[in-house]
Amino acid sequence: MREKDWQILLDCANLKEPKEIPIALIVDSPWIPGYLGIPHMQFYFIPDIWLEAYREIKKRFPEVIFIPDFWVEFGMAQEPSGFGAKIIFKPDATPNIEPILKSADDLPDFVNNLKKPNPKTDGFMPIVLEYYRYIEPKVKEMGEKIKIVAARGPLAIASHLMGVTEFLVSVKLYPEEAKKLLEIVTSLVIDFLTAQIEVLHDVEGILVLDDIVGFFSEEDYLEFAHPYLKKIFSSFDYPIKIYHNDTNNNVYYKYLPDLGINIFNFTHLQNIKDVYNLTQGKICLMGNIPPLDVLVNGSKEDVKRSVERVLRDYGMKRGIILSAGGGVSPGTSGENIRAMIDALKDFNF
């Protein structure tokens, strides 16, 4: 990340009014290889191809702040692989993750024998760390720094270990065992973020992504999600703390300020002004263009109308980063990203 982009994020997180509303996008392997015509296996396992891919997207869209930027990931595989989940790679897509548990009824025995993985030795996590060791000097040669590290959240990881349905069932049938699993996974998330920070030299921000939180009622969120997310975010004294969850459920939004986050990337299905009110204006909102209906399937005019709608609905410059309402989806064209940039430049309050 360029220093000027980092300063923009800091100002946004501190709710300062910018001269211009910034634009940022969460990009990773679901989008980058397909957009650039690179085989996924080469993107994942040949660091110089990976680095050149990031160099190219930043060259094409210098106006965009990519988040977390220079993100070493294997889809969602890195954390579940540490528990022994089988990872199945495909030629032109992100890998599949096979659940370890077949049923919620398997959870009590599983969790009673479960040991927390070591991110320095287990699964794909040590590969992530070695990747960072290799690419960080090359990133610095580009005049940039790796400022943000990322991890999936505890509920997202737990759902990959047993499937979303069985995980949600386990919360009702075996609540204490589900909490024990979440405690172990939460500790791993903290360890994995810490391990990334230790091999890098300029980290000042974290990104945690957990969509499964959006499947919970308010009561269940407070019992099974909030304490674990709060533990993660409170473990790091950094000026940038970003949370991503683009499921369409706003029952937990009013509790987000208590997590200690300062940037929130959420679903386009929620009106941005409503989200501002639910979060009490205490968090910078990152959204809210529909990633599939508009950025993938829409025309440039659709993109322009969507940008104008979001900015009109929000109604001010402070506390907003224009983005997709979620990550950038596979199939998003460069033309529509450019249309998003141009529409932002042309907009006047």
Protein backbone atom coordinates (compact mmCIF):
# COMPACT_ATOMS: atom_id res chain seq x y z
CA MET A 1 0.00 0.00 0.00
CA ARG A 2 1.21 3.47 -0.85
CA GLU A 3 1.76 5.85 2.05
CA LYS A 4 -0.80 8.32 0.70
CA ASP A 5 -3.44 5.59 0.53
CA TRP A 6 -2.66 4.54 4.08
CA GLN A 7 -3.12 8.11 5.25
CA ILE A 8 -6.48 8.25 3.48
CA LEU A 9 -7.59 5.11 5.34
CA LEU A 10 -6.43 6.58 8.64
CA ASP A 11 -8.41 9.76 8.03
CA CYS A 12 -11.49 7.76 7.07
CA ALA A 13 -11.18 5.56 10.15
CA ASN A 14 -10.91 8.69 12.29
CA LEU A 15 -14.05 10.09 10.61
CA LYS A 16 -12.27 13.13 9.22
CA GLU A 17 -13.91 14.83 6.26
CA PRO A 18 -11.81 14.28 3.13
CA LYS A 19 -11.43 16.57 0.16
CA GLU A 20 -12.65 13.70 -2.00
CA ILE A 21 -14.47 10.50 -1.09
CA PRO A 22 -12.01 7.60 -1.51
CA ILE A 23 -12.70 4.39 -3.37
CA ALA A 24 -11.50 1.01 -2.10
CA LEU A 25 -12.09 -2.60 -3.10
CA ILE A 26 -11.51 -5.92 -1.36
CA VAL A 27 -9.82 -8.06 -4.01
CA ASP A 28 -8.33 -11.54 -3.81
CA SER A 29 -8.08 -14.82 -5.69
CA PRO A 30 -11.78 -15.16 -6.59
CA TRP A 31 -11.34 -12.14 -8.89
CA ILE A 32 -7.69 -11.33 -9.69
CA PRO A 33 -6.61 -14.45 -11.66
CA GLY A 34 -9.75 -14.56 -13.79
CA TYR A 35 -9.63 -10.86 -14.52
CA LEU A 36 -5.99 -11.03 -15.63
CA GLY A 37 -6.27 -14.41 -17.39
CA ILE A 38 -3.89 -16.19 -15.02
CA PRO A 39 -4.41 -19.85 -14.03
CA HIS A 40 -5.36 -20.02 -10.37
CA MET A 41 -2.66 -22.57 -9.59
CA GLN A 42 0.02 -20.26 -10.95
CA PHE A 43 -1.42 -17.33 -9.01
CA TYR A 44 -1.38 -19.35 -5.80
CA PHE A 45 1.96 -21.08 -6.08
CA ILE A 46 4.31 -18.93 -8.17
CA PRO A 47 5.08 -15.87 -6.05
CA ASP A 48 6.47 -13.77 -8.89
CA ILE A 49 3.30 -14.31 -10.95
CA TRP A 50 1.24 -13.39 -7.87
CA LEU A 51 3.31 -10.25 -7.32
CA GLU A 52 3.08 -9.21 -10.97
CA ALA A 53 -0.71 -9.67 -10.80
CA TYR A 54 -0.94 -7.22 -7.93
CA ARG A 55 1.41 -4.85 -9.70
CA GLU A 56 -0.82 -4.96 -12.79
CA ILE A 57 -4.15 -4.28 -11.08
CA LYS A 58 -2.61 -1.37 -9.19
CA LYS A 59 -1.22 -0.02 -12.45
CA ARG A 60 -4.62 -0.25 -14.13
CA PHE A 61 -6.53 1.33 -11.24
CA PRO A 62 -4.23 3.74 -9.40
CA GLU A 63 -7.25 5.58 -7.98
CA VAL A 64 -8.38 2.50 -6.03
CA ILE A 65 -7.14 1.53 -2.57
CA PHE A 66 -7.03 -2.26 -2.59
CA ILE A 67 -7.77 -3.89 0.75
CA PRO A 68 -6.02 -5.54 2.46
CA ASP A 69 -3.59 -5.24 -0.48
CA PHE A 70 -0.86 -7.76 -1.28
CA TRP A 71 -3.03 -10.38 0.43
CA VAL A 72 -1.52 -13.87 0.50
CA GLU A 73 -4.45 -16.29 0.60
CA PHE A 74 -5.69 -19.55 -0.86
CA GLY A 75 -9.36 -18.70 -0.99
CA MET A 76 -10.70 -19.66 2.43
CA ALA A 77 -8.39 -22.65 2.83
CA GLN A 78 -5.53 -21.43 4.99
CA GLU A 79 -7.12 -21.60 8.46
CA PRO A 80 -9.30 -24.75 8.01
CA SER A 81 -6.30 -26.58 6.54
CA GLY A 82 -4.53 -26.15 9.87
CA PHE A 83 -7.18 -28.37 11.46
CA GLY A 84 -6.64 -31.04 8.80
CA ALA A 85 -9.46 -30.15 6.41
CA LYS A 86 -8.87 -31.55 2.93
CA ILE A 87 -8.28 -28.82 0.36
CA ILE A 88 -9.22 -29.59 -3.25
CA PHE A 89 -7.70 -27.30 -5.86
CA LYS A 90 -9.32 -26.65 -9.23
CA PRO A 91 -7.79 -25.20 -12.42
CA ASP A 92 -9.80 -21.99 -12.67
CA ALA A 93 -11.44 -21.36 -9.31
CA THR A 94 -10.74 -21.06 -5.62
CA PRO A 95 -10.22 -24.37 -3.80
CA ASN A 96 -12.97 -26.37 -2.13
CA ILE A 97 -12.74 -27.23 1.55
CA GLU A 98 -14.07 -30.62 2.67
CA PRO A 99 -15.61 -30.53 6.15
CA ILE A 100 -13.96 -32.72 8.75
CA LEU A 101 -17.19 -33.37 10.63
CA LYS A 102 -20.15 -34.92 8.85
CA SER A 103 -22.74 -34.13 11.50
CA ALA A 104 -23.33 -31.80 14.43
CA ASP A 105 -23.49 -34.96 16.53
CA ASP A 106 -19.77 -35.46 15.89
CA LEU A 107 -18.86 -32.17 17.58
CA PRO A 108 -18.59 -33.29 21.24
CA ASP A 109 -16.00 -35.99 20.53
CA PHE A 110 -14.19 -33.80 18.02
CA VAL A 111 -13.83 -30.77 20.25
CA ASN A 112 -12.82 -32.81 23.30
CA ASN A 113 -9.82 -34.11 21.38
CA LEU A 114 -9.07 -30.95 19.41
CA LYS A 115 -5.73 -29.22 19.69
CA LYS A 116 -5.26 -25.69 18.46
CA PRO A 117 -3.23 -25.58 15.23
CA ASN A 118 0.08 -23.79 15.10
CA PRO A 119 0.06 -21.23 12.26
CA LYS A 120 3.83 -21.56 11.95
CA THR A 121 3.69 -25.29 11.16
CA ASP A 122 0.17 -26.46 10.27
CA GLY A 123 -1.73 -26.50 6.99
CA PHE A 124 -1.32 -23.66 4.51
CA MET A 125 -0.66 -21.05 7.17
CA PRO A 126 3.15 -21.50 7.22
CA ILE A 127 3.09 -21.21 3.42
CA VAL A 128 1.37 -17.84 3.83
CA LEU A 129 4.10 -16.77 6.24
CA GLU A 130 6.92 -17.89 3.96
CA TYR A 131 5.23 -16.18 1.02
CA TYR A 132 5.21 -12.92 2.96
CA ARG A 133 8.89 -13.30 3.82
CA TYR A 134 9.68 -13.67 0.13
CA ILE A 135 7.48 -10.92 -1.29
CA GLU A 136 7.81 -8.16 1.30
CA PRO A 137 11.22 -6.92 0.06
CA LYS A 138 9.89 -6.90 -3.50
CA VAL A 139 6.81 -4.94 -2.42
CA LYS A 140 9.09 -2.38 -0.79
CA GLU A 141 11.08 -2.11 -4.02
CA MET A 142 7.80 -1.00 -5.62
CA GLY A 143 7.63 1.86 -3.11
CA GLU A 144 4.82 0.21 -1.15
CA LYS A 145 4.34 -1.52 2.21
CA ILE A 146 2.19 -4.33 3.54
CA LYS A 147 0.11 -2.46 6.10
CA ILE A 148 -2.84 -4.81 6.71
CA VAL A 149 -3.00 -8.54 7.43
CA ALA A 150 -6.18 -10.60 7.25
CA ALA A 151 -7.86 -13.71 8.59
CA ARG A 152 -11.25 -15.35 8.41
CA GLY A 153 -13.34 -14.99 11.52
CA PRO A 154 -14.08 -17.76 14.02
CA LEU A 155 -17.60 -18.58 12.84
CA ALA A 156 -16.51 -18.72 9.20
CA ILE A 157 -13.68 -21.11 10.05
CA ALA A 158 -15.89 -23.28 12.26
CA SER A 159 -18.46 -23.54 9.47
CA HIS A 160 -15.78 -24.81 7.10
CA LEU A 161 -14.85 -27.55 9.56
CA MET A 162 -18.37 -28.98 9.64
CA GLY A 163 -20.45 -27.23 6.99
CA VAL A 164 -22.64 -24.21 7.60
CA THR A 165 -25.84 -26.14 8.30
CA GLU A 166 -24.25 -28.55 10.76
CA PHE A 167 -22.44 -25.73 12.52
CA LEU A 168 -25.69 -23.81 12.99
CA VAL A 169 -27.38 -26.99 14.22
CA SER A 170 -24.54 -27.60 16.67
CA VAL A 171 -25.05 -24.18 18.23
CA LYS A 172 -28.56 -25.27 19.24
CA LEU A 173 -27.90 -28.91 20.10
CA TYR A 174 -24.45 -28.62 21.65
CA PRO A 175 -24.01 -24.98 22.71
CA GLU A 176 -21.18 -25.58 25.17
CA GLU A 177 -19.19 -27.67 22.70
CA ALA A 178 -19.81 -25.05 20.01
CA LYS A 179 -18.43 -22.39 22.35
CA LYS A 180 -15.38 -24.52 23.06
CA LEU A 181 -14.77 -24.86 19.32
CA LEU A 182 -15.17 -21.10 18.87
CA GLU A 183 -12.72 -20.43 21.71
CA ILE A 184 -10.09 -22.61 20.03
CA VAL A 185 -10.69 -21.10 16.60
CA THR A 186 -10.65 -17.56 18.01
CA SER A 187 -7.29 -18.23 19.61
CA LEU A 188 -6.01 -19.53 16.26
CA VAL A 189 -7.20 -16.38 14.46
CA ILE A 190 -5.26 -14.24 16.93
CA ASP A 191 -2.20 -16.46 16.58
CA PHE A 192 -2.37 -16.42 12.78
CA LEU A 193 -2.69 -12.65 12.60
CA THR A 194 0.17 -12.33 15.09
CA ALA A 195 2.36 -14.71 13.08
CA GLN A 196 1.80 -12.63 9.94
CA ILE A 197 2.62 -9.46 11.84
CA GLU A 198 5.84 -11.02 13.15
CA VAL A 199 7.21 -11.87 9.70
CA LEU A 200 6.33 -8.46 8.27
CA HIS A 201 7.65 -5.06 9.32
CA ASP A 202 5.05 -2.37 8.63
CA VAL A 203 1.70 -3.79 9.72
CA GLU A 204 -0.68 -1.34 11.38
CA GLY A 205 -4.06 -2.81 10.53
CA ILE A 206 -6.11 -6.00 10.51
CA LEU A 207 -9.02 -7.25 8.43
CA VAL A 208 -11.34 -9.97 9.73
CA LEU A 209 -13.92 -11.52 7.40
CA ASP A 210 -16.85 -13.48 8.81
CA ASP A 211 -20.15 -13.73 6.95
CA ILE A 212 -21.55 -16.54 9.13
CA VAL A 213 -22.28 -14.00 11.86
CA GLY A 214 -25.12 -12.84 9.64
CA PHE A 215 -26.97 -16.14 10.11
CA PHE A 216 -27.53 -15.48 13.82
CA SER A 217 -30.39 -13.86 15.70
CA GLU A 218 -29.57 -10.95 17.98
CA GLU A 219 -29.63 -13.22 21.03
CA ASP A 220 -27.41 -15.83 19.43
CA TYR A 221 -25.05 -13.17 18.08
CA LEU A 222 -24.45 -11.86 21.59
CA GLU A 223 -23.76 -15.36 22.88
CA PHE A 224 -21.90 -17.02 20.02
CA ALA A 225 -20.31 -14.26 17.97
CA HIS A 226 -19.76 -10.93 19.71
CA PRO A 227 -17.44 -12.12 22.50
CA TYR A 228 -15.15 -13.93 20.07
CA LEU A 229 -14.98 -11.12 17.52
CA LYS A 230 -14.36 -8.62 20.29
CA LYS A 231 -11.53 -10.74 21.67
CA ILE A 232 -9.85 -10.75 18.26
CA PHE A 233 -10.13 -7.02 17.62
CA SER A 234 -9.15 -6.10 21.18
CA SER A 235 -5.98 -8.18 20.88
CA PHE A 236 -4.42 -5.68 18.45
CA ASP A 237 -3.67 -2.06 19.21
CA TYR A 238 -3.73 -0.80 15.64
CA PRO A 239 -5.30 2.31 14.09
CA ILE A 240 -7.08 0.33 11.35
CA LYS A 241 -9.48 -2.49 12.23
CA ILE A 242 -11.74 -3.60 9.39
CA TYR A 243 -14.64 -6.04 9.61
CA HIS A 244 -16.27 -7.59 6.53
CA ASN A 245 -19.66 -9.28 6.62
CA ASP A 246 -21.93 -9.02 3.59
CA THR A 247 -24.82 -11.22 4.69
CA ASN A 248 -28.16 -9.42 4.80
CA ASN A 249 -28.86 -9.23 8.53
CA ASN A 250 -28.57 -6.03 10.52
CA VAL A 251 -29.49 -7.23 14.03
CA TYR A 252 -25.87 -7.01 15.17
CA TYR A 253 -25.01 -3.64 13.60
CA LYS A 254 -25.71 -1.67 16.78
CA TYR A 255 -23.09 -3.73 18.59
CA LEU A 256 -20.31 -3.12 16.06
CA PRO A 257 -18.87 -0.03 17.79
CA ASP A 258 -18.26 -2.19 20.87
CA LEU A 259 -16.01 -4.48 18.80
CA GLY A 260 -13.51 -1.66 18.43
CA ILE A 261 -13.62 -1.69 14.64
CA ASN A 262 -13.45 1.53 12.63
CA ILE A 263 -14.22 0.38 9.06
CA PHE A 264 -17.15 -1.89 8.14
CA ASN A 265 -17.72 -3.52 4.73
CA PHE A 266 -21.32 -4.74 4.47
CA THR A 267 -23.99 -5.92 2.06
CA HIS A 268 -25.46 -3.76 -0.68
CA LEU A 269 -28.88 -5.00 0.44
CA GLN A 270 -28.76 -2.61 3.39
CA ASN A 271 -29.27 1.11 2.80
CA ILE A 272 -26.07 2.92 3.70
CA LYS A 273 -27.83 5.66 5.67
CA ASP A 274 -29.66 3.06 7.72
CA VAL A 275 -26.34 1.38 8.48
CA TYR A 276 -24.92 4.74 9.51
CA ASN A 277 -27.79 5.21 11.96
CA LEU A 278 -27.58 1.66 13.32
CA THR A 279 -23.85 2.05 13.96
CA GLN A 280 -24.48 5.46 15.55
CA GLY A 281 -22.19 7.21 13.09
CA LYS A 282 -19.18 5.79 14.92
CA ILE A 283 -17.73 3.63 12.12
CA CYS A 284 -16.51 4.43 8.61
CA LEU A 285 -18.77 2.60 6.16
CA MET A 286 -17.25 0.84 3.16
CA GLY A 287 -19.80 0.15 0.43
CA ASN A 288 -22.31 -0.06 -1.08
CA ILE A 289 -22.43 -0.91 -4.81
CA PRO A 290 -24.06 -4.29 -5.64
CA PRO A 291 -21.11 -6.53 -6.56
CA LEU A 292 -23.00 -9.02 -8.74
CA ASP A 293 -26.10 -7.28 -10.11
CA VAL A 294 -24.26 -4.06 -10.95
CA LEU A 295 -20.47 -4.54 -11.04
CA VAL A 296 -20.61 -7.93 -12.79
CA ASN A 297 -23.88 -7.90 -14.72
CA GLY A 298 -24.67 -4.20 -15.04
CA SER A 299 -23.78 -1.65 -17.69
CA LYS A 300 -21.57 1.37 -17.14
CA GLU A 301 -24.76 3.43 -16.80
CA ASP A 302 -26.01 1.03 -14.14
CA VAL A 303 -22.76 1.53 -12.25
CA LYS A 304 -23.07 5.31 -12.50
CA ARG A 305 -26.65 5.27 -11.23
CA SER A 306 -25.71 3.01 -8.35
CA VAL A 307 -22.80 5.22 -7.31
CA GLU A 308 -25.01 8.30 -7.41
CA ARG A 309 -27.72 6.57 -5.37
CA VAL A 310 -25.29 5.48 -2.65
CA LEU A 311 -23.70 8.92 -2.36
CA ARG A 312 -27.06 10.71 -2.33
CA ASP A 313 -28.43 8.34 0.30
CA TYR A 314 -25.41 8.86 2.52
CA GLY A 315 -25.38 12.59 1.96
CA MET A 316 -21.92 13.62 3.18
CA LYS A 317 -18.22 13.01 2.63
CA ARG A 318 -17.21 12.04 6.15
CA GLY A 319 -17.20 8.40 7.20
CA ILE A 320 -17.62 6.74 3.80
CA ILE A 321 -15.36 4.76 1.49
CA LEU A 322 -17.05 3.97 -1.81
CA SER A 323 -16.75 0.25 -2.49
CA ALA A 324 -18.62 -2.87 -3.46
CA GLY A 325 -21.16 -4.13 -0.95
CA GLY A 326 -18.83 -7.04 -0.30
CA GLY A 327 -15.70 -8.20 -2.06
CA VAL A 328 -15.15 -7.90 -5.80
CA SER A 329 -16.96 -10.83 -7.44
CA PRO A 330 -15.53 -13.10 -10.14
CA GLY A 331 -16.38 -11.70 -13.56
CA THR A 332 -16.24 -8.04 -12.56
CA SER A 333 -14.96 -6.16 -15.58
CA GLY A 334 -12.29 -3.50 -15.61
CA GLU A 335 -14.73 -1.29 -17.51
CA ASN A 336 -17.19 -1.32 -14.63
CA ILE A 337 -14.49 -0.60 -12.08
CA ARG A 338 -13.43 2.33 -14.25
CA ALA A 339 -17.08 3.43 -14.49
CA MET A 340 -17.26 3.38 -10.70
CA ILE A 341 -14.15 5.57 -10.46
CA ASP A 342 -15.45 8.01 -13.07
CA ALA A 343 -18.91 8.25 -11.49
CA LEU A 344 -17.34 9.13 -8.15
CA LYS A 345 -15.20 11.83 -9.77
CA ASP A 346 -18.22 13.34 -11.52
CA PHE A 347 -20.54 13.35 -8.51
CA ASN A 348 -21.33 16.60 -6.74
CA PHE A 349 -23.35 16.91 -3.55
